[in-house]
C-alpha cells in the first residue's frame, strides 16, 4: 500500500487497525526471536577466543549469527530449520503490513516436541493463531535454552 495518495483520516484508521487491533501474536514471535538471538550471541561469544573483535561496533544480522553459531559447532543442525523459520516469520511481519502468520508456518517452529507439547499446541491452535504462536515460540525458546548448559 502506498501512503502517497492516502488521506490523513484513512492513514489514522489504518494505523489504529495495525497498531492496536491486528497481530496480537506478533508480540510472542518478536520477543521469542529476540530471546533466541540473545542465546545465539551467548553461544557464539563462548566459542570465540576474542568475541569483542567481532561484536565491537559490528551489526551482525540474525541470519549471520545462525550461520556463525552453526559453523562454530555450537548450534546443532536440527535447530537450524526452526530458528530460520522464526526469522522468516519475523521478516515477513517487518516488511508487510498485511502479513498474517499461518499455522503451517508455526508448525515449522517444532523441534523434538513430546506428546504433551503436541497436545498443548493442538489445544492452542483450536484457541486461535495468537495462542498457537505463543506456544510454538515458547517451546522453541525452551529447546534452545538447553544449549546454554
Protein backbone atom coordinates (compact mmCIF):
# COMPACT_ATOMS: atom_id res chain seq x y z
CA UNK A 1 0.00 0.00 0.00
CA UNK A 2 1.30 3.39 -0.97
CA UNK A 3 0.98 6.22 1.54
CA UNK A 4 1.42 8.86 -1.15
CA UNK A 5 -2.26 9.32 -2.00
CA UNK A 6 -3.94 8.32 1.23
CA UNK A 7 -5.96 10.76 3.33
CA UNK A 8 -4.95 11.50 6.91
CA UNK A 9 -8.25 10.02 8.08
CA UNK A 10 -7.57 6.77 6.21
CA UNK A 11 -3.99 6.74 7.43
CA UNK A 12 -5.19 7.27 11.00
CA UNK A 13 -7.66 4.42 10.70
CA UNK A 14 -5.00 2.17 9.19
CA UNK A 15 -2.52 2.94 11.95
CA UNK A 16 -5.06 2.18 14.69
CA UNK A 17 -6.03 -1.06 12.98
CA UNK A 18 -2.44 -2.25 12.61
CA UNK A 19 -1.02 -0.98 15.89
CA UNK A 20 -3.89 -1.82 18.22
CA UNK A 21 -6.18 -4.44 16.79
CA UNK A 22 -4.10 -6.60 14.45
CA UNK A 23 -1.37 -9.16 15.04
CA UNK A 24 -1.59 -9.80 18.74
CA UNK A 25 0.53 -12.91 18.10
CA UNK A 26 3.33 -10.66 16.91
CA UNK A 27 4.41 -9.90 20.50
CA UNK A 28 5.23 -13.55 21.23
CA UNK A 29 7.00 -14.02 17.93
CA UNK A 30 9.13 -10.87 18.23
CA UNK A 31 10.08 -11.46 21.84
CA UNK A 32 10.88 -15.09 21.10
CA UNK A 33 13.07 -14.01 18.18
CA UNK A 34 14.91 -11.54 20.43
CA UNK A 35 15.32 -14.14 23.17
CA UNK A 36 16.77 -16.66 20.72
CA UNK A 37 19.09 -14.00 19.31
CA UNK A 38 20.50 -13.38 22.78
CA UNK A 39 21.08 -17.11 23.21
CA UNK A 40 22.87 -17.22 19.85
CA UNK A 41 25.04 -14.29 20.95
CA UNK A 42 25.93 -16.12 24.16
CA UNK A 43 26.78 -19.35 22.34
CA UNK A 44 28.93 -17.51 19.81
CA UNK A 45 30.76 -15.44 22.41
CA UNK A 46 31.57 -18.56 24.45
CA UNK A 47 33.00 -20.27 21.34
CA UNK A 48 35.23 -17.39 20.24
CA UNK A 49 38.57 -16.54 21.79
CA UNK A 50 38.08 -12.80 21.29
CA UNK A 51 34.37 -12.16 20.69
CA UNK A 52 34.77 -8.44 21.25
CA UNK A 53 36.57 -8.17 17.92
CA UNK A 54 33.51 -9.48 16.09
CA UNK A 55 30.90 -7.75 18.23
CA UNK A 56 32.64 -4.39 18.63
CA UNK A 57 30.70 -1.90 16.51
CA UNK A 58 29.52 -4.60 14.12
CA UNK A 59 25.92 -5.02 13.05
CA UNK A 60 25.54 -8.77 12.80
CA UNK A 61 22.32 -9.97 11.24
CA UNK A 62 20.25 -12.71 12.80
CA UNK A 63 20.93 -14.94 9.78
CA UNK A 64 24.66 -14.39 10.10
CA UNK A 65 24.51 -15.32 13.79
CA UNK A 66 22.65 -18.55 13.00
CA UNK A 67 25.21 -19.44 10.33
CA UNK A 68 28.15 -18.49 12.56
CA UNK A 69 26.82 -20.50 15.51
CA UNK A 70 26.28 -23.45 13.18
CA UNK A 71 29.77 -23.16 11.68
CA UNK A 72 31.31 -22.96 15.16
CA UNK A 73 29.51 -26.17 16.08
CA UNK A 74 27.53 -24.62 18.95
CA UNK A 75 24.18 -24.82 17.14
CA UNK A 76 23.22 -28.38 16.17
CA UNK A 77 21.79 -28.89 12.69
CA UNK A 78 18.33 -29.85 13.93
CA UNK A 79 17.90 -26.30 15.28
CA UNK A 80 18.68 -24.51 12.02
CA UNK A 81 15.31 -25.04 10.34
CA UNK A 82 13.08 -23.93 13.24
CA UNK A 83 15.24 -20.88 14.01
CA UNK A 84 15.33 -19.84 10.36
CA UNK A 85 11.56 -20.36 10.15
CA UNK A 86 11.07 -17.96 13.08
CA UNK A 87 13.35 -15.43 11.41
CA UNK A 88 11.36 -15.71 8.18
CA UNK A 89 8.11 -15.07 10.07
CA UNK A 90 9.64 -12.06 11.80
CA UNK A 91 10.90 -10.67 8.49
CA UNK A 92 7.51 -11.16 6.88
CA UNK A 93 5.91 -9.08 9.65
CA UNK A 94 8.64 -6.45 9.35
CA UNK A 95 8.14 -5.94 5.63
CA UNK A 96 4.42 -6.50 5.05
CA UNK A 97 1.75 -4.58 6.99
CA UNK A 98 -0.88 -7.13 5.97
CA UNK A 99 1.12 -10.25 6.79
CA UNK A 100 -0.56 -12.90 8.94
CA UNK A 101 1.34 -15.94 10.13
CA UNK A 102 -0.23 -19.30 9.34
CA UNK A 103 -0.48 -22.49 11.34
CA UNK A 104 1.72 -24.19 8.72
CA UNK A 105 4.45 -21.61 9.36
CA UNK A 106 4.12 -22.12 13.11
CA UNK A 107 4.43 -25.88 12.58
CA UNK A 108 7.91 -25.19 11.19
CA UNK A 109 8.98 -23.99 14.66
CA UNK A 110 8.60 -27.50 16.11
CA UNK A 111 11.74 -29.08 17.49
CA UNK A 112 11.53 -32.56 19.03
CA UNK A 113 8.19 -31.99 20.73
CA UNK A 114 6.94 -34.56 23.19
CA UNK A 115 3.34 -35.76 23.18
CA UNK A 116 2.32 -33.33 25.91
CA UNK A 117 3.74 -30.43 23.89
CA UNK A 118 1.93 -31.55 20.74
CA UNK A 119 -1.29 -31.81 22.75
CA UNK A 120 -0.80 -28.32 24.22
CA UNK A 121 -0.09 -26.93 20.77
CA UNK A 122 -3.18 -28.54 19.25
CA UNK A 123 -5.27 -27.03 22.05
CA UNK A 124 -3.67 -23.64 21.35
CA UNK A 125 -4.37 -23.98 17.62
CA UNK A 126 -8.06 -24.52 18.42
CA UNK A 127 -7.98 -21.34 20.53
CA UNK A 128 -6.54 -19.30 17.66
CA UNK A 129 -3.40 -18.08 15.97
CA UNK A 130 -2.36 -15.92 18.93
CA UNK A 131 -2.25 -18.89 21.32
CA UNK A 132 -0.60 -21.11 18.71
CA UNK A 133 2.12 -18.52 18.12
CA UNK A 134 2.72 -18.15 21.84
CA UNK A 135 3.02 -21.89 22.50
CA UNK A 136 5.14 -22.72 19.45
CA UNK A 137 7.53 -19.84 20.15
CA UNK A 138 7.77 -20.69 23.85
CA UNK A 139 8.56 -24.34 23.12
CA UNK A 140 11.25 -23.31 20.62
CA UNK A 141 12.82 -20.95 23.17
CA UNK A 142 12.82 -23.69 25.81
CA UNK A 143 14.58 -26.09 23.43
CA UNK A 144 17.26 -23.56 22.55
CA UNK A 145 17.82 -22.56 26.16
CA UNK A 146 19.13 -26.10 26.80
CA UNK A 147 22.11 -25.35 24.55
CA UNK A 148 23.48 -22.99 27.21
CA UNK A 149 24.22 -25.88 29.60
